[in-house]
Amino acid sequence: MEEAAGILEVYGLVCAFMAADAGCKAADVRLETFDKNKPANADSLPVPLLVTVKFRGSVAAVEAAMEAGEAMARSLTGVVQKHIIARPTEDTGKMLKLNAFDKN
């Protein structure tokens, strides 16, 4: 079965954990590893670290998880970007597993 992917980029690691928790409680989804990005304009952002939460599951489940995760993130530090890919290609699926938390 092909799984949809929901990608939710938020400000800060705490916000990412809260958004992931809300999304997982709202729907039958699983998480890929979080990813991080410290953009060049980090000092002008509400929180200097961007974190991407990645939900996987059926399209309906990912939509519900994204809605809950986005609502939680907006109540905290905010959402940078969001997108749902209904049927990611195999190569896109591989990219979803990458993360920068393991890198210095």
C-alpha atoms as a PDB file:
ATOM      1  CA  MET A   1       0.000   0.000   0.000  1.00  0.00           C
ATOM      2  CA  GLU A   2       1.338   3.417  -0.931  1.00  0.00           C
ATOM      3  CA  GLU A   3       1.368   5.877   1.942  1.00  0.00           C
ATOM      4  CA  ALA A   4       0.766   9.587   1.697  1.00  0.00           C
ATOM      5  CA  ALA A   5       3.327  11.947   3.214  1.00  0.00           C
ATOM      6  CA  GLY A   6       2.516  15.081   5.152  1.00  0.00           C
ATOM      7  CA  ILE A   7       5.342  17.576   5.576  1.00  0.00           C
ATOM      8  CA  LEU A   8       4.921  20.263   8.230  1.00  0.00           C
ATOM      9  CA  GLU A   9       7.756  22.740   8.799  1.00  0.00           C
ATOM     10  CA  VAL A  10       7.561  24.651  12.080  1.00  0.00           C
ATOM     11  CA  TYR A  11       9.642  26.983  14.236  1.00  0.00           C
ATOM     12  CA  GLY A  12      11.583  25.099  16.912  1.00  0.00           C
ATOM     13  CA  LEU A  13      11.999  21.591  18.243  1.00  0.00           C
ATOM     14  CA  VAL A  14       9.456  21.882  21.074  1.00  0.00           C
ATOM     15  CA  CYS A  15       6.830  23.060  18.599  1.00  0.00           C
ATOM     16  CA  ALA A  16       7.704  20.106  16.341  1.00  0.00           C
ATOM     17  CA  PHE A  17       7.227  17.624  19.192  1.00  0.00           C
ATOM     18  CA  MET A  18       3.906  19.188  20.140  1.00  0.00           C
ATOM     19  CA  ALA A  19       2.692  19.218  16.518  1.00  0.00           C
ATOM     20  CA  ALA A  20       3.797  15.606  15.996  1.00  0.00           C
ATOM     21  CA  ASP A  21       2.044  14.520  19.182  1.00  0.00           C
ATOM     22  CA  ALA A  22      -1.175  16.281  18.191  1.00  0.00           C
ATOM     23  CA  GLY A  23      -1.074  14.771  14.700  1.00  0.00           C
ATOM     24  CA  CYS A  24      -0.430  11.243  15.949  1.00  0.00           C
ATOM     25  CA  LYS A  25      -3.262  11.513  18.471  1.00  0.00           C
ATOM     26  CA  ALA A  26      -5.652  12.786  15.794  1.00  0.00           C
ATOM     27  CA  ALA A  27      -5.073  10.062  13.210  1.00  0.00           C
ATOM     28  CA  ASP A  28      -3.559   6.666  12.519  1.00  0.00           C
ATOM     29  CA  VAL A  29      -0.213   7.897  11.163  1.00  0.00           C
ATOM     30  CA  ARG A  30       3.433   7.226  11.827  1.00  0.00           C
ATOM     31  CA  LEU A  31       6.330   9.633  11.880  1.00  0.00           C
ATOM     32  CA  GLU A  32       9.437   9.728   9.765  1.00  0.00           C
ATOM     33  CA  THR A  33      12.467  11.259  11.482  1.00  0.00           C
ATOM     34  CA  PHE A  34      12.326  15.010  12.065  1.00  0.00           C
ATOM     35  CA  ASP A  35      14.615  17.198   9.996  1.00  0.00           C
ATOM     36  CA  LYS A  36      16.158  20.553  10.885  1.00  0.00           C
ATOM     37  CA  ASN A  37      17.323  23.624   9.063  1.00  0.00           C
ATOM     38  CA  LYS A  38      18.964  26.761  10.377  1.00  0.00           C
ATOM     39  CA  PRO A  39      18.398  29.318   7.633  1.00  0.00           C
ATOM     40  CA  ALA A  40      20.697  32.256   6.913  1.00  0.00           C
ATOM     41  CA  ASN A  41      18.139  34.698   8.364  1.00  0.00           C
ATOM     42  CA  ALA A  42      17.795  32.685  11.604  1.00  0.00           C
ATOM     43  CA  ASP A  43      18.321  35.711  13.850  1.00  0.00           C
ATOM     44  CA  SER A  44      15.226  37.418  12.406  1.00  0.00           C
ATOM     45  CA  LEU A  45      12.941  34.400  12.955  1.00  0.00           C
ATOM     46  CA  PRO A  46      10.717  33.787  16.006  1.00  0.00           C
ATOM     47  CA  VAL A  47      12.852  30.707  16.740  1.00  0.00           C
ATOM     48  CA  PRO A  48      16.183  30.270  14.898  1.00  0.00           C
ATOM     49  CA  LEU A  49      15.666  26.597  14.047  1.00  0.00           C
ATOM     50  CA  LEU A  50      13.185  25.212  11.537  1.00  0.00           C
ATOM     51  CA  VAL A  51      12.064  21.629  12.126  1.00  0.00           C
ATOM     52  CA  THR A  52      10.157  19.459   9.667  1.00  0.00           C
ATOM     53  CA  VAL A  53       7.624  16.948  10.972  1.00  0.00           C
ATOM     54  CA  LYS A  54       6.842  14.157   8.492  1.00  0.00           C
ATOM     55  CA  PHE A  55       3.637  12.113   8.842  1.00  0.00           C
ATOM     56  CA  ARG A  56       2.994   8.905   6.853  1.00  0.00           C
ATOM     57  CA  GLY A  57      -0.273   7.008   6.395  1.00  0.00           C
ATOM     58  CA  SER A  58      -3.416   7.013   4.283  1.00  0.00           C
ATOM     59  CA  VAL A  59      -4.337  10.294   2.605  1.00  0.00           C
ATOM     60  CA  ALA A  60      -7.271  10.830   4.977  1.00  0.00           C
ATOM     61  CA  ALA A  61      -5.172  10.045   8.052  1.00  0.00           C
ATOM     62  CA  VAL A  62      -2.340  12.318   6.937  1.00  0.00           C
ATOM     63  CA  GLU A  63      -4.815  15.125   6.225  1.00  0.00           C
ATOM     64  CA  ALA A  64      -6.259  14.782   9.752  1.00  0.00           C
ATOM     65  CA  ALA A  65      -2.793  14.622  11.322  1.00  0.00           C
ATOM     66  CA  MET A  66      -1.619  17.660   9.393  1.00  0.00           C
ATOM     67  CA  GLU A  67      -4.676  19.649  10.418  1.00  0.00           C
ATOM     68  CA  ALA A  68      -4.132  18.829  14.104  1.00  0.00           C
ATOM     69  CA  GLY A  69      -0.372  19.387  13.895  1.00  0.00           C
ATOM     70  CA  GLU A  70      -0.798  22.687  12.115  1.00  0.00           C
ATOM     71  CA  ALA A  71      -3.340  23.924  14.671  1.00  0.00           C
ATOM     72  CA  MET A  72      -0.965  23.056  17.499  1.00  0.00           C
ATOM     73  CA  ALA A  73       2.012  24.699  15.774  1.00  0.00           C
ATOM     74  CA  ARG A  74       0.048  27.878  15.065  1.00  0.00           C
ATOM     75  CA  SER A  75      -0.859  28.103  18.764  1.00  0.00           C
ATOM     76  CA  LEU A  76       2.855  27.954  19.643  1.00  0.00           C
ATOM     77  CA  THR A  77       5.570  29.412  17.408  1.00  0.00           C
ATOM     78  CA  GLY A  78       3.988  28.993  13.964  1.00  0.00           C
ATOM     79  CA  VAL A  79       4.096  27.157  10.655  1.00  0.00           C
ATOM     80  CA  VAL A  80       6.631  27.881   7.926  1.00  0.00           C
ATOM     81  CA  GLN A  81       5.409  25.515   5.176  1.00  0.00           C
ATOM     82  CA  LYS A  82       3.092  22.543   4.806  1.00  0.00           C
ATOM     83  CA  HIS A  83       2.322  20.087   2.058  1.00  0.00           C
ATOM     84  CA  ILE A  84       0.746  16.681   1.517  1.00  0.00           C
ATOM     85  CA  ILE A  85       2.057  14.311  -1.156  1.00  0.00           C
ATOM     86  CA  ALA A  86      -0.649  11.740  -1.884  1.00  0.00           C
ATOM     87  CA  ARG A  87       1.624   9.175  -3.543  1.00  0.00           C
ATOM     88  CA  PRO A  88       5.299  10.054  -3.214  1.00  0.00           C
ATOM     89  CA  THR A  89       7.653   8.402  -5.650  1.00  0.00           C
ATOM     90  CA  GLU A  90      10.130   5.844  -4.350  1.00  0.00           C
ATOM     91  CA  ASP A  91      12.944   8.398  -4.545  1.00  0.00           C
ATOM     92  CA  THR A  92      10.887  10.989  -2.661  1.00  0.00           C
ATOM     93  CA  GLY A  93      10.174   8.338  -0.024  1.00  0.00           C
ATOM     94  CA  LYS A  94      13.918   7.842   0.418  1.00  0.00           C
ATOM     95  CA  MET A  95      14.415  11.588   0.850  1.00  0.00           C
ATOM     96  CA  LEU A  96      11.751  11.678   3.567  1.00  0.00           C
ATOM     97  CA  LYS A  97      13.964   9.425   5.686  1.00  0.00           C
ATOM     98  CA  LEU A  98      16.923  11.824   5.605  1.00  0.00           C
ATOM     99  CA  ASN A  99      17.564  14.156   8.509  1.00  0.00           C
ATOM    100  CA  ALA A 100      20.185  16.656   9.622  1.00  0.00           C
ATOM    101  CA  PHE A 101      19.940  15.954  13.360  1.00  0.00           C
ATOM    102  CA  ASP A 102      22.694  13.350  13.065  1.00  0.00           C
ATOM    103  CA  LYS A 103      25.073  15.869  11.508  1.00  0.00           C
ATOM    104  CA  ASN A 104      27.195  18.407  13.354  1.00  0.00           C
END
